[in-house]
Amino acid sequence: MSQNDPMMNNPYMGGGAPTPQYTPYQQPQYYPAPSSKWNAMSIAGFVCSFFFSLIGLVLSIIGYSQTKKTGERGGDFAIAGIIISAVSIALSVLACILVFVLFGTVFTAAVLQ
């Protein structure tokens, strides 16, 4: 009998049990453990975002990109620093616009009278 004979793979016809097809064993993928080291740039950006918004924004963005590349801790601090700095800069710009409009209105009213 040849190996391609259908009777050979039929257990009821005396050919024995069919040979099971196994997939090769795959090694489990291990991911590196998160680093316990903190990223100093992201922490510095977070702290600076309260006092020096522009510097805090730059440091937080750099720190966030570093945490993504190296797997260090501190990515949450960097995101918080980015948000705090952006909101602070936006409020500062709005306050400057408001002050200029207010003084322009007061100055124009004073000159016209």
Protein backbone atom coordinates (compact mmCIF):
# COMPACT_ATOMS: atom_id res chain seq x y z
CA MET A 1 0.00 0.00 0.00
CA SER A 2 1.16 3.46 -0.71
CA GLN A 3 1.14 6.34 1.76
CA ASN A 4 -1.45 8.22 -0.29
CA ASP A 5 -3.91 5.35 -0.01
CA PRO A 6 -7.12 6.61 1.71
CA MET A 7 -7.56 3.22 3.35
CA MET A 8 -4.28 3.66 5.22
CA ASN A 9 -5.53 6.69 7.19
CA ASN A 10 -8.91 5.19 8.06
CA PRO A 11 -8.80 3.57 11.52
CA TYR A 12 -11.86 1.42 10.72
CA MET A 13 -10.29 -0.06 7.64
CA GLY A 14 -7.20 -1.40 9.37
CA GLY A 15 -4.89 1.43 8.44
CA GLY A 16 -4.36 2.69 11.97
CA ALA A 17 -5.01 6.09 13.41
CA PRO A 18 -4.23 9.12 11.28
CA THR A 19 -1.03 10.89 12.13
CA PRO A 20 -1.77 14.14 13.94
CA GLN A 21 -0.37 17.33 12.49
CA TYR A 22 1.49 19.27 15.16
CA THR A 23 2.49 22.89 14.90
CA PRO A 24 6.01 23.65 15.99
CA TYR A 25 6.34 24.82 19.55
CA GLN A 26 6.79 28.56 19.82
CA GLN A 27 8.80 30.12 22.59
CA PRO A 28 6.76 32.48 24.75
CA GLN A 29 7.62 36.10 24.21
CA TYR A 30 9.07 37.77 27.23
CA TYR A 31 8.86 41.50 27.52
CA PRO A 32 11.46 43.40 29.50
CA ALA A 33 10.32 44.45 32.93
CA PRO A 34 9.66 48.15 33.26
CA SER A 35 12.66 49.95 34.55
CA SER A 36 12.60 51.14 38.13
CA LYS A 37 14.73 54.13 37.16
CA TRP A 38 12.98 57.51 37.00
CA ASN A 39 13.57 59.91 34.14
CA ALA A 40 15.00 63.11 35.62
CA MET A 41 14.04 65.23 32.60
CA SER A 42 10.34 64.46 32.96
CA ILE A 43 10.37 65.23 36.69
CA ALA A 44 12.27 68.48 36.08
CA GLY A 45 9.76 69.41 33.38
CA PHE A 46 6.88 68.74 35.75
CA VAL A 47 8.38 70.92 38.50
CA CYS A 48 9.34 73.72 36.08
CA SER A 49 5.85 73.75 34.58
CA PHE A 50 4.56 75.45 37.74
CA PHE A 51 7.12 78.27 37.71
CA PHE A 52 8.58 78.58 34.20
CA SER A 53 5.97 77.34 31.76
CA LEU A 54 7.98 77.47 28.56
CA ILE A 55 10.99 75.70 30.08
CA GLY A 56 8.67 73.17 31.71
CA LEU A 57 6.97 72.48 28.38
CA VAL A 58 10.27 71.85 26.60
CA LEU A 59 11.68 69.66 29.38
CA SER A 60 8.45 67.67 29.66
CA ILE A 61 8.34 66.97 25.93
CA ILE A 62 11.97 65.83 25.95
CA GLY A 63 11.37 63.73 29.06
CA TYR A 64 8.28 62.11 27.55
CA SER A 65 10.14 61.11 24.40
CA GLN A 66 12.98 59.70 26.50
CA THR A 67 10.62 57.61 28.62
CA LYS A 68 9.09 56.14 25.47
CA LYS A 69 12.50 55.17 24.09
CA THR A 70 14.13 53.85 27.26
CA GLY A 71 11.15 52.49 29.18
CA GLU A 72 12.00 54.54 32.25
CA ARG A 73 9.37 55.66 34.70
CA GLY A 74 8.10 59.24 34.70
CA GLY A 75 6.00 59.35 31.55
CA ASP A 76 2.96 60.37 33.58
CA PHE A 77 4.88 63.26 35.12
CA ALA A 78 5.93 64.37 31.65
CA ILE A 79 2.34 64.31 30.37
CA ALA A 80 1.18 66.27 33.42
CA GLY A 81 4.00 68.77 32.86
CA ILE A 82 3.00 69.20 29.22
CA ILE A 83 -0.64 69.80 30.14
CA ILE A 84 0.12 72.19 33.00
CA SER A 85 2.62 74.16 30.88
CA ALA A 86 0.27 74.38 27.89
CA VAL A 87 -2.65 75.56 30.02
CA SER A 88 -0.43 78.06 31.82
CA ILE A 89 0.94 79.47 28.55
CA ALA A 90 -2.56 79.71 27.07
CA LEU A 91 -3.86 81.54 30.14
CA SER A 92 -0.87 83.89 30.09
CA VAL A 93 -1.46 84.75 26.44
CA LEU A 94 -5.14 85.31 27.14
CA ALA A 95 -4.30 87.55 30.10
CA CYS A 96 -1.91 89.62 27.97
CA ILE A 97 -4.53 90.07 25.27
CA LEU A 98 -7.10 91.05 27.88
CA VAL A 99 -4.73 93.60 29.46
CA PHE A 100 -3.88 95.17 26.10
CA VAL A 101 -7.53 95.39 25.09
CA LEU A 102 -8.51 96.81 28.47
CA PHE A 103 -5.75 99.42 28.49
CA GLY A 104 -6.42 100.26 24.84
CA THR A 105 -10.09 100.83 25.61
CA VAL A 106 -9.32 102.94 28.68
CA PHE A 107 -6.65 104.93 26.86
CA THR A 108 -8.92 105.56 23.87
CA ALA A 109 -11.76 106.66 26.15
CA ALA A 110 -9.44 109.01 28.05
CA VAL A 111 -8.03 110.61 24.89
CA LEU A 112 -11.43 111.15 23.28
CA GLN A 113 -12.85 113.04 26.26
